[in-house]
Amino acid sequence: MGVAMRASLALGLVLVLLTTAAWGQNTDGSANRWFRVSWEPSRDGAPFTIEGQVFSDSPYRVTNVRLQLEGLDADSQPVSRTFAWALGDIPPRGETSFVVETIPGAVTYRIAVVSFDLVSLGPDSPR
């Protein structure tokens, strides 16, 4: 086996491992344990957006907080889903906001944090 072939196989293995880690980010449910989400129709007159808050009960500073929004019809059946990002970092036990377009046909939403990245420990973090 040549050097180029070994390098290609090694690179392929690294890519597979990185992809697996990214998809496995929230398999233990920790995002839903640490975060609460609230929302309401936009107050600034934009009829096709909803605004929300993401509250963190985590002792860590987090970033890249990704939300999944599932639009539900009047019978609480899923219409569609979309994703959004919370704005900026969230300090330990802090909050931030998000704004997203409404989902056509949805009358209510089920919103959950599906992933996040750890930035740093807070002053009262477990060590």
Protein backbone atom coordinates (compact mmCIF):
# COMPACT_ATOMS: atom_id res chain seq x y z
CA MET A 1 0.00 0.00 0.00
CA GLY A 2 1.47 3.34 -1.06
CA VAL A 3 1.91 6.48 1.07
CA ALA A 4 -0.83 8.32 -0.83
CA MET A 5 -3.29 5.48 -0.25
CA ARG A 6 -2.51 5.37 3.50
CA ALA A 7 -2.92 9.15 3.75
CA SER A 8 -6.28 8.95 1.97
CA LEU A 9 -7.51 6.18 4.26
CA ALA A 10 -6.34 8.08 7.36
CA LEU A 11 -8.08 11.25 6.19
CA GLY A 12 -11.27 9.28 5.50
CA LEU A 13 -11.19 7.75 8.99
CA VAL A 14 -10.72 11.18 10.58
CA LEU A 15 -13.67 12.58 8.63
CA VAL A 16 -15.89 9.66 9.68
CA LEU A 17 -14.93 10.11 13.34
CA LEU A 18 -15.55 13.87 13.22
CA THR A 19 -18.94 13.40 11.58
CA THR A 20 -19.94 10.77 14.14
CA ALA A 21 -19.01 13.06 17.04
CA ALA A 22 -20.99 15.98 15.60
CA TRP A 23 -24.14 13.88 15.15
CA GLY A 24 -23.81 12.39 18.61
CA GLN A 25 -23.75 15.74 20.33
CA ASN A 26 -27.07 15.52 22.18
CA THR A 27 -27.77 11.81 22.52
CA ASP A 28 -27.89 11.97 26.32
CA GLY A 29 -30.60 14.67 26.42
CA SER A 30 -28.36 17.14 28.27
CA ALA A 31 -29.51 20.05 26.12
CA ASN A 32 -33.11 19.67 27.25
CA ARG A 33 -32.00 19.21 30.85
CA TRP A 34 -30.09 22.52 30.87
CA PHE A 35 -32.27 24.77 28.71
CA ARG A 36 -35.78 26.20 28.78
CA VAL A 37 -37.34 27.97 25.81
CA SER A 38 -40.24 30.43 25.68
CA TRP A 39 -41.72 32.18 22.64
CA GLU A 40 -44.47 34.49 21.42
CA PRO A 41 -45.51 36.18 18.17
CA SER A 42 -43.29 39.11 17.23
CA ARG A 43 -44.16 42.36 19.02
CA ASP A 44 -42.52 44.69 16.49
CA GLY A 45 -45.26 44.28 13.89
CA ALA A 46 -43.54 41.59 11.82
CA PRO A 47 -46.51 39.21 11.35
CA PHE A 48 -44.47 36.28 10.02
CA THR A 49 -41.94 35.92 12.83
CA ILE A 50 -41.85 34.62 16.35
CA GLU A 51 -39.48 35.79 19.05
CA GLY A 52 -38.23 33.68 21.90
CA GLN A 53 -35.92 33.41 24.85
CA VAL A 54 -33.51 30.63 25.68
CA PHE A 55 -32.79 30.27 29.41
CA SER A 56 -29.75 28.28 30.51
CA ASP A 57 -29.63 26.48 33.85
CA SER A 58 -26.14 25.28 32.97
CA PRO A 59 -23.10 26.22 35.07
CA TYR A 60 -21.18 26.69 31.78
CA ARG A 61 -20.90 29.47 29.19
CA VAL A 62 -22.25 28.04 25.92
CA THR A 63 -22.40 29.15 22.30
CA ASN A 64 -23.78 27.90 18.98
CA VAL A 65 -27.08 27.02 20.63
CA ARG A 66 -29.24 25.42 17.93
CA LEU A 67 -33.00 25.16 18.26
CA GLN A 68 -35.43 22.85 16.52
CA LEU A 69 -38.88 24.36 15.97
CA GLU A 70 -41.68 21.96 15.16
CA GLY A 71 -44.83 23.66 13.87
CA LEU A 72 -48.08 22.06 14.99
CA ASP A 73 -51.55 22.47 13.49
CA ALA A 74 -54.82 22.93 15.43
CA ASP A 75 -54.96 19.17 16.12
CA SER A 76 -51.39 19.23 17.54
CA GLN A 77 -50.12 17.32 14.52
CA PRO A 78 -46.70 18.25 13.09
CA VAL A 79 -46.87 20.49 10.00
CA SER A 80 -43.16 21.02 9.43
CA ARG A 81 -39.98 21.80 11.29
CA THR A 82 -37.11 24.20 10.96
CA PHE A 83 -33.98 25.15 12.86
CA ALA A 84 -32.73 28.43 14.30
CA TRP A 85 -29.74 29.74 16.22
CA ALA A 86 -29.88 31.52 19.56
CA LEU A 87 -28.07 34.87 19.46
CA GLY A 88 -24.53 34.95 20.86
CA ASP A 89 -23.11 33.19 23.89
CA ILE A 90 -25.20 32.37 26.93
CA PRO A 91 -23.44 32.95 30.26
CA PRO A 92 -23.84 30.44 33.10
CA ARG A 93 -27.49 30.54 34.24
CA GLY A 94 -28.14 33.29 31.71
CA GLU A 95 -30.37 33.85 28.72
CA THR A 96 -30.45 35.04 25.14
CA SER A 97 -33.03 35.38 22.38
CA PHE A 98 -33.90 34.14 18.91
CA VAL A 99 -36.13 35.27 16.04
CA VAL A 100 -37.40 32.94 13.35
CA GLU A 101 -39.97 32.96 10.56
CA THR A 102 -43.26 31.25 11.28
CA ILE A 103 -44.05 27.90 9.70
CA PRO A 104 -47.04 28.10 7.29
CA GLY A 105 -50.02 26.22 8.71
CA ALA A 106 -48.66 26.08 12.29
CA VAL A 107 -50.79 27.45 15.11
CA THR A 108 -48.34 26.57 17.87
CA TYR A 109 -44.79 25.34 18.23
CA ARG A 110 -42.74 22.77 20.09
CA ILE A 111 -39.24 24.23 20.49
CA ALA A 112 -36.19 22.50 21.94
CA VAL A 113 -32.44 23.02 22.09
CA VAL A 114 -30.83 20.28 20.02
CA SER A 115 -27.14 21.20 20.27
CA PHE A 116 -24.67 23.64 21.79
CA ASP A 117 -20.94 24.13 22.25
CA LEU A 118 -19.25 24.55 25.60
CA VAL A 119 -17.18 27.76 25.84
CA SER A 120 -15.96 27.87 29.43
CA LEU A 121 -16.65 27.05 33.03
CA GLY A 122 -18.49 29.57 35.16
CA PRO A 123 -17.26 30.63 38.60
CA ASP A 124 -19.59 28.14 40.31
CA SER A 125 -19.04 25.27 37.87
CA PRO A 126 -18.34 21.75 39.08
CA ARG A 127 -14.64 21.04 38.61
